PDB file of N, CA and C in Angstrom:
ATOM      1  N   MET A   1       3.122   8.179 -10.555  1.00  0.00           N
ATOM      2  CA  MET A   1       3.297   7.294  -9.429  1.00  0.00           C
ATOM      3  C   MET A   1       2.099   6.355  -9.308  1.00  0.00           C
ATOM      4  N   GLU A   2       0.932   6.832  -9.661  1.00  0.00           N
ATOM      5  CA  GLU A   2      -0.279   6.014  -9.554  1.00  0.00           C
ATOM      6  C   GLU A   2      -0.139   4.709 -10.337  1.00  0.00           C
ATOM      7  N   ASN A   3       0.328   4.806 -11.573  1.00  0.00           N
ATOM      8  CA  ASN A   3       0.476   3.602 -12.398  1.00  0.00           C
ATOM      9  C   ASN A   3       1.522   2.642 -11.831  1.00  0.00           C
ATOM     10  N   ALA A   4       2.597   3.185 -11.294  1.00  0.00           N
ATOM     11  CA  ALA A   4       3.649   2.338 -10.715  1.00  0.00           C
ATOM     12  C   ALA A   4       3.136   1.564  -9.505  1.00  0.00           C
ATOM     13  N   ILE A   5       2.361   2.226  -8.646  1.00  0.00           N
ATOM     14  CA  ILE A   5       1.815   1.559  -7.461  1.00  0.00           C
ATOM     15  C   ILE A   5       0.828   0.472  -7.869  1.00  0.00           C
ATOM     16  N   LEU A   6      -0.046   0.780  -8.817  1.00  0.00           N
ATOM     17  CA  LEU A   6      -1.016  -0.218  -9.272  1.00  0.00           C
ATOM     18  C   LEU A   6      -0.329  -1.407  -9.937  1.00  0.00           C
ATOM     19  N   GLU A   7       0.734  -1.144 -10.686  1.00  0.00           N
ATOM     20  CA  GLU A   7       1.478  -2.226 -11.327  1.00  0.00           C
ATOM     21  C   GLU A   7       2.174  -3.106 -10.286  1.00  0.00           C
ATOM     22  N   MET A   8       2.742  -2.483  -9.252  1.00  0.00           N
ATOM     23  CA  MET A   8       3.359  -3.261  -8.172  1.00  0.00           C
ATOM     24  C   MET A   8       2.329  -4.183  -7.536  1.00  0.00           C
ATOM     25  N   GLN A   9       1.135  -3.659  -7.278  1.00  0.00           N
ATOM     26  CA  GLN A   9       0.087  -4.453  -6.634  1.00  0.00           C
ATOM     27  C   GLN A   9      -0.365  -5.593  -7.540  1.00  0.00           C
ATOM     28  N   GLN A  10      -0.560  -5.332  -8.819  1.00  0.00           N
ATOM     29  CA  GLN A  10      -1.048  -6.360  -9.741  1.00  0.00           C
ATOM     30  C   GLN A  10      -0.040  -7.489  -9.939  1.00  0.00           C
ATOM     31  N   ASN A  11       1.246  -7.180  -9.814  1.00  0.00           N
ATOM     32  CA  ASN A  11       2.284  -8.180 -10.057  1.00  0.00           C
ATOM     33  C   ASN A  11       2.731  -8.925  -8.803  1.00  0.00           C
ATOM     34  N   LEU A  12       2.020  -8.739  -7.694  1.00  0.00           N
ATOM     35  CA  LEU A  12       2.400  -9.427  -6.459  1.00  0.00           C
ATOM     36  C   LEU A  12       2.226 -10.937  -6.574  1.00  0.00           C
ATOM     37  N   ARG A  13       3.180 -11.663  -5.996  1.00  0.00           N
ATOM     38  CA  ARG A  13       3.061 -13.113  -5.900  1.00  0.00           C
ATOM     39  C   ARG A  13       2.495 -13.451  -4.529  1.00  0.00           C
ATOM     40  N   ASP A  14       2.048 -14.689  -4.365  1.00  0.00           N
ATOM     41  CA  ASP A  14       1.530 -15.128  -3.069  1.00  0.00           C
ATOM     42  C   ASP A  14       2.591 -14.935  -1.992  1.00  0.00           C
ATOM     43  N   GLY A  15       2.155 -14.440  -0.836  1.00  0.00           N
ATOM     44  CA  GLY A  15       3.058 -14.250   0.283  1.00  0.00           C
ATOM     45  C   GLY A  15       3.756 -12.903   0.312  1.00  0.00           C
ATOM     46  N   PHE A  16       3.436 -12.017  -0.630  1.00  0.00           N
ATOM     47  CA  PHE A  16       4.070 -10.701  -0.687  1.00  0.00           C
ATOM     48  C   PHE A  16       3.003  -9.609  -0.630  1.00  0.00           C
ATOM     49  N   PHE A  17       3.406  -8.406  -0.238  1.00  0.00           N
ATOM     50  CA  PHE A  17       2.505  -7.259  -0.214  1.00  0.00           C
ATOM     51  C   PHE A  17       3.296  -5.986  -0.497  1.00  0.00           C
ATOM     52  N   VAL A  18       2.594  -4.940  -0.912  1.00  0.00           N
ATOM     53  CA  VAL A  18       3.198  -3.625  -1.097  1.00  0.00           C
ATOM     54  C   VAL A  18       3.159  -2.923   0.258  1.00  0.00           C
ATOM     55  N   ALA A  19       4.279  -2.373   0.677  1.00  0.00           N
ATOM     56  CA  ALA A  19       4.356  -1.687   1.969  1.00  0.00           C
ATOM     57  C   ALA A  19       4.612  -0.200   1.749  1.00  0.00           C
ATOM     58  N   PHE A  20       3.769   0.620   2.362  1.00  0.00           N
ATOM     59  CA  PHE A  20       3.964   2.059   2.397  1.00  0.00           C
ATOM     60  C   PHE A  20       4.619   2.350   3.749  1.00  0.00           C
ATOM     61  N   VAL A  21       5.922   2.649   3.729  1.00  0.00           N
ATOM     62  CA  VAL A  21       6.710   2.772   4.962  1.00  0.00           C
ATOM     63  C   VAL A  21       6.692   4.230   5.431  1.00  0.00           C
ATOM     64  N   SER A  22       6.345   4.421   6.709  1.00  0.00           N
ATOM     65  CA  SER A  22       6.288   5.771   7.273  1.00  0.00           C
ATOM     66  C   SER A  22       7.681   6.253   7.661  1.00  0.00           C
ATOM     67  N   ALA A  23       7.785   7.517   8.029  1.00  0.00           N
ATOM     68  CA  ALA A  23       9.073   8.147   8.320  1.00  0.00           C
ATOM     69  C   ALA A  23       9.814   7.484   9.479  1.00  0.00           C
ATOM     70  N   ASN A  24       9.104   6.924  10.459  1.00  0.00           N
ATOM     71  CA  ASN A  24       9.813   6.329  11.594  1.00  0.00           C
ATOM     72  C   ASN A  24      10.289   4.902  11.315  1.00  0.00           C
ATOM     73  N   LYS A  25      10.009   4.372  10.140  1.00  0.00           N
ATOM     74  CA  LYS A  25      10.469   3.053   9.670  1.00  0.00           C
ATOM     75  C   LYS A  25       9.967   1.872  10.492  1.00  0.00           C
ATOM     76  N   ASP A  26       9.338   2.125  11.630  1.00  0.00           N
ATOM     77  CA  ASP A  26       8.807   1.039  12.448  1.00  0.00           C
ATOM     78  C   ASP A  26       7.372   0.700  12.071  1.00  0.00           C
ATOM     79  N   HIS A  27       6.763   1.528  11.262  1.00  0.00           N
ATOM     80  CA  HIS A  27       5.363   1.326  10.907  1.00  0.00           C
ATOM     81  C   HIS A  27       5.206   1.373   9.393  1.00  0.00           C
ATOM     82  N   TYR A  28       4.407   0.459   8.878  1.00  0.00           N
ATOM     83  CA  TYR A  28       4.110   0.480   7.452  1.00  0.00           C
ATOM     84  C   TYR A  28       2.654   0.090   7.251  1.00  0.00           C
ATOM     85  N   PHE A  29       2.112   0.487   6.110  1.00  0.00           N
ATOM     86  CA  PHE A  29       0.747   0.155   5.736  1.00  0.00           C
ATOM     87  C   PHE A  29       0.812  -0.898   4.637  1.00  0.00           C
ATOM     88  N   PRO A  30       0.379  -2.132   4.901  1.00  0.00           N
ATOM     89  CA  PRO A  30       0.447  -3.179   3.883  1.00  0.00           C
ATOM     90  C   PRO A  30      -0.737  -3.113   2.922  1.00  0.00           C
ATOM     91  N   VAL A  31      -0.475  -3.414   1.669  1.00  0.00           N
ATOM     92  CA  VAL A  31      -1.514  -3.498   0.647  1.00  0.00           C
ATOM     93  C   VAL A  31      -1.336  -4.821  -0.081  1.00  0.00           C
ATOM     94  N   THR A  32      -2.365  -5.656  -0.035  1.00  0.00           N
ATOM     95  CA  THR A  32      -2.299  -6.953  -0.702  1.00  0.00           C
ATOM     96  C   THR A  32      -2.907  -6.860  -2.095  1.00  0.00           C
ATOM     97  N   LYS A  33      -2.787  -7.932  -2.824  1.00  0.00           N
ATOM     98  CA  LYS A  33      -3.309  -7.960  -4.189  1.00  0.00           C
ATOM     99  C   LYS A  33      -4.828  -7.804  -4.224  1.00  0.00           C
ATOM    100  N   SER A  34      -5.523  -8.245  -3.182  1.00  0.00           N
ATOM    101  CA  SER A  34      -6.983  -8.198  -3.173  1.00  0.00           C
ATOM    102  C   SER A  34      -7.548  -6.871  -2.657  1.00  0.00           C
ATOM    103  N   ASP A  35      -6.697  -5.969  -2.151  1.00  0.00           N
ATOM    104  CA  ASP A  35      -7.166  -4.674  -1.661  1.00  0.00           C
ATOM    105  C   ASP A  35      -7.470  -3.741  -2.836  1.00  0.00           C
ATOM    106  N   ASP A  36      -8.432  -2.845  -2.632  1.00  0.00           N
ATOM    107  CA  ASP A  36      -8.776  -1.845  -3.642  1.00  0.00           C
ATOM    108  C   ASP A  36      -8.096  -0.524  -3.282  1.00  0.00           C
ATOM    109  N   ILE A  37      -7.365   0.045  -4.245  1.00  0.00           N
ATOM    110  CA  ILE A  37      -6.682   1.317  -4.031  1.00  0.00           C
ATOM    111  C   ILE A  37      -7.392   2.385  -4.852  1.00  0.00           C
ATOM    112  N   ALA A  38      -7.695   3.518  -4.208  1.00  0.00           N
ATOM    113  CA  ALA A  38      -8.268   4.671  -4.910  1.00  0.00           C
ATOM    114  C   ALA A  38      -7.370   5.870  -4.630  1.00  0.00           C
ATOM    115  N   PHE A  39      -7.023   6.595  -5.671  1.00  0.00           N
ATOM    116  CA  PHE A  39      -6.180   7.780  -5.536  1.00  0.00           C
ATOM    117  C   PHE A  39      -7.102   8.981  -5.378  1.00  0.00           C
ATOM    118  N   LEU A  40      -7.127   9.550  -4.164  1.00  0.00           N
ATOM    119  CA  LEU A  40      -8.045  10.640  -3.843  1.00  0.00           C
ATOM    120  C   LEU A  40      -7.568  11.972  -4.415  1.00  0.00           C
ATOM    121  N   ASN A  41      -6.272  12.221  -4.343  1.00  0.00           N
ATOM    122  CA  ASN A  41      -5.640  13.386  -4.958  1.00  0.00           C
ATOM    123  C   ASN A  41      -4.148  13.095  -5.074  1.00  0.00           C
ATOM    124  N   ASP A  42      -3.341  14.116  -5.289  1.00  0.00           N
ATOM    125  CA  ASP A  42      -1.907  13.891  -5.509  1.00  0.00           C
ATOM    126  C   ASP A  42      -1.169  13.323  -4.312  1.00  0.00           C
ATOM    127  N   ASN A  43      -1.688  13.522  -3.108  1.00  0.00           N
ATOM    128  CA  ASN A  43      -0.940  13.064  -1.942  1.00  0.00           C
ATOM    129  C   ASN A  43      -1.736  12.181  -0.987  1.00  0.00           C
ATOM    130  N   ARG A  44      -2.922  11.723  -1.373  1.00  0.00           N
ATOM    131  CA  ARG A  44      -3.699  10.832  -0.498  1.00  0.00           C
ATOM    132  C   ARG A  44      -4.272   9.670  -1.295  1.00  0.00           C
ATOM    133  N   ILE A  45      -4.196   8.477  -0.689  1.00  0.00           N
ATOM    134  CA  ILE A  45      -4.822   7.301  -1.289  1.00  0.00           C
ATOM    135  C   ILE A  45      -5.730   6.638  -0.257  1.00  0.00           C
ATOM    136  N   SER A  46      -6.713   5.931  -0.753  1.00  0.00           N
ATOM    137  CA  SER A  46      -7.631   5.172   0.086  1.00  0.00           C
ATOM    138  C   SER A  46      -7.421   3.698  -0.221  1.00  0.00           C
ATOM    139  N   ILE A  47      -7.296   2.899   0.834  1.00  0.00           N
ATOM    140  CA  ILE A  47      -7.141   1.447   0.678  1.00  0.00           C
ATOM    141  C   ILE A  47      -8.350   0.795   1.326  1.00  0.00           C
ATOM    142  N   HIS A  48      -9.126   0.089   0.513  1.00  0.00           N
ATOM    143  CA  HIS A  48     -10.298  -0.616   1.027  1.00  0.00           C
ATOM    144  C   HIS A  48      -9.984  -2.105   1.016  1.00  0.00           C
ATOM    145  N   ARG A  49     -10.055  -2.704   2.191  1.00  0.00           N
ATOM    146  CA  ARG A  49      -9.749  -4.134   2.330  1.00  0.00           C
ATOM    147  C   ARG A  49     -11.024  -4.959   2.214  1.00  0.00           C
ATOM    148  N   LYS A  50     -10.867  -6.188   1.849  1.00  0.00           N
ATOM    149  CA  LYS A  50     -12.023  -7.086   1.659  1.00  0.00           C
ATOM    150  C   LYS A  50     -12.783  -7.344   2.956  1.00  0.00           C
ATOM    151  N   ASN A  51     -12.131  -7.130   4.122  1.00  0.00           N
ATOM    152  CA  ASN A  51     -12.804  -7.337   5.405  1.00  0.00           C
ATOM    153  C   ASN A  51     -13.647  -6.126   5.810  1.00  0.00           C
ATOM    154  N   GLY A  52     -13.683  -5.086   4.965  1.00  0.00           N
ATOM    155  CA  GLY A  52     -14.502  -3.916   5.234  1.00  0.00           C
ATOM    156  C   GLY A  52     -13.753  -2.708   5.756  1.00  0.00           C
ATOM    157  N   TRP A  53     -12.509  -2.867   6.181  1.00  0.00           N
ATOM    158  CA  TRP A  53     -11.728  -1.749   6.704  1.00  0.00           C
ATOM    159  C   TRP A  53     -11.253  -0.854   5.564  1.00  0.00           C
ATOM    160  N   THR A  54     -11.243   0.442   5.810  1.00  0.00           N
ATOM    161  CA  THR A  54     -10.717   1.407   4.851  1.00  0.00           C
ATOM    162  C   THR A  54      -9.682   2.272   5.556  1.00  0.00           C
ATOM    163  N   SER A  55      -8.545   2.468   4.900  1.00  0.00           N
ATOM    164  CA  SER A  55      -7.485   3.324   5.431  1.00  0.00           C
ATOM    165  C   SER A  55      -7.201   4.426   4.426  1.00  0.00           C
ATOM    166  N   ILE A  56      -6.933   5.617   4.924  1.00  0.00           N
ATOM    167  CA  ILE A  56      -6.517   6.720   4.065  1.00  0.00           C
ATOM    168  C   ILE A  56      -5.084   7.063   4.442  1.00  0.00           C
ATOM    169  N   ILE A  57      -4.215   7.091   3.446  1.00  0.00           N
ATOM    170  CA  ILE A  57      -2.793   7.320   3.674  1.00  0.00           C
ATOM    171  C   ILE A  57      -2.388   8.642   3.032  1.00  0.00           C
ATOM    172  N   ASN A  58      -1.712   9.463   3.816  1.00  0.00           N
ATOM    173  CA  ASN A  58      -1.137  10.703   3.309  1.00  0.00           C
ATOM    174  C   ASN A  58       0.260  10.370   2.789  1.00  0.00           C
ATOM    175  N   LEU A  59       0.455  10.434   1.488  1.00  0.00           N
ATOM    176  CA  LEU A  59       1.731  10.046   0.897  1.00  0.00           C
ATOM    177  C   LEU A  59       2.871  10.993   1.273  1.00  0.00           C
ATOM    178  N   ASP A  60       2.548  12.190   1.778  1.00  0.00           N
ATOM    179  CA  ASP A  60       3.602  13.104   2.228  1.00  0.00           C
ATOM    180  C   ASP A  60       4.341  12.539   3.439  1.00  0.00           C
ATOM    181  N   LEU A  61       3.714  11.606   4.171  1.00  0.00           N
ATOM    182  CA  LEU A  61       4.330  11.007   5.353  1.00  0.00           C
ATOM    183  C   LEU A  61       5.004   9.672   5.059  1.00  0.00           C
ATOM    184  N   ILE A  62       4.982   9.262   3.805  1.00  0.00           N
ATOM    185  CA  ILE A  62       5.570   7.983   3.390  1.00  0.00           C
ATOM    186  C   ILE A  62       6.955   8.240   2.806  1.00  0.00           C
ATOM    187  N   VAL A  63       7.943   7.491   3.295  1.00  0.00           N
ATOM    188  CA  VAL A  63       9.319   7.682   2.815  1.00  0.00           C
ATOM    189  C   VAL A  63       9.755   6.595   1.834  1.00  0.00           C
ATOM    190  N   GLU A  64       9.009   5.487   1.776  1.00  0.00           N
ATOM    191  CA  GLU A  64       9.396   4.379   0.897  1.00  0.00           C
ATOM    192  C   GLU A  64       8.171   3.552   0.550  1.00  0.00           C
ATOM    193  N   ILE A  65       8.131   3.094  -0.690  1.00  0.00           N
ATOM    194  CA  ILE A  65       7.113   2.145  -1.131  1.00  0.00           C
ATOM    195  C   ILE A  65       7.869   0.949  -1.682  1.00  0.00           C
ATOM    196  N   CYS A  66       7.660  -0.227  -1.088  1.00  0.00           N
ATOM    197  CA  CYS A  66       8.419  -1.406  -1.485  1.00  0.00           C
ATOM    198  C   CYS A  66       7.559  -2.659  -1.385  1.00  0.00           C
ATOM    199  N   ILE A  67       8.094  -3.762  -1.858  1.00  0.00           N
ATOM    200  CA  ILE A  67       7.421  -5.043  -1.758  1.00  0.00           C
ATOM    201  C   ILE A  67       8.088  -5.820  -0.628  1.00  0.00           C
ATOM    202  N   MET A  68       7.260  -6.336   0.275  1.00  0.00           N
ATOM    203  CA  MET A  68       7.770  -7.104   1.424  1.00  0.00           C
ATOM    204  C   MET A  68       7.134  -8.492   1.429  1.00  0.00           C
ATOM    205  N   ARG A  69       7.801  -9.409   2.086  1.00  0.00           N
ATOM    206  CA  ARG A  69       7.302 -10.772   2.247  1.00  0.00           C
ATOM    207  C   ARG A  69       6.520 -10.882   3.546  1.00  0.00           C
ATOM    208  N   GLU A  70       5.376 -11.554   3.483  1.00  0.00           N
ATOM    209  CA  GLU A  70       4.581 -11.779   4.688  1.00  0.00           C
ATOM    210  C   GLU A  70       5.318 -12.736   5.611  1.00  0.00           C
ATOM    211  N   LEU A  71       5.245 -12.467   6.904  1.00  0.00           N
ATOM    212  CA  LEU A  71       5.823 -13.369   7.893  1.00  0.00           C
ATOM    213  C   LEU A  71       4.812 -14.440   8.232  1.00  0.00           C
ATOM    214  N   SER A  72       5.254 -15.676   8.296  1.00  0.00           N
ATOM    215  CA  SER A  72       4.308 -16.751   8.621  1.00  0.00           C
ATOM    216  C   SER A  72       4.426 -17.198  10.035  1.00  0.00           C
TER     217      SER A  72
END
């Protein structure tokens, strides 16, 4: 799964992002092409954004990983 996620991120076009969608479907964690992803273990990833923010996501709580278009 690690390679698939990294490939999705590398192939993003302008205006799109990778979304890690949570179980309630109303919330997702966006990952842009410029964000750094680190795989901490089999079920947790760290996303470090260029603005200095870091998020840790538990993949056990994610029901879908997809590419979404940014709203302007």
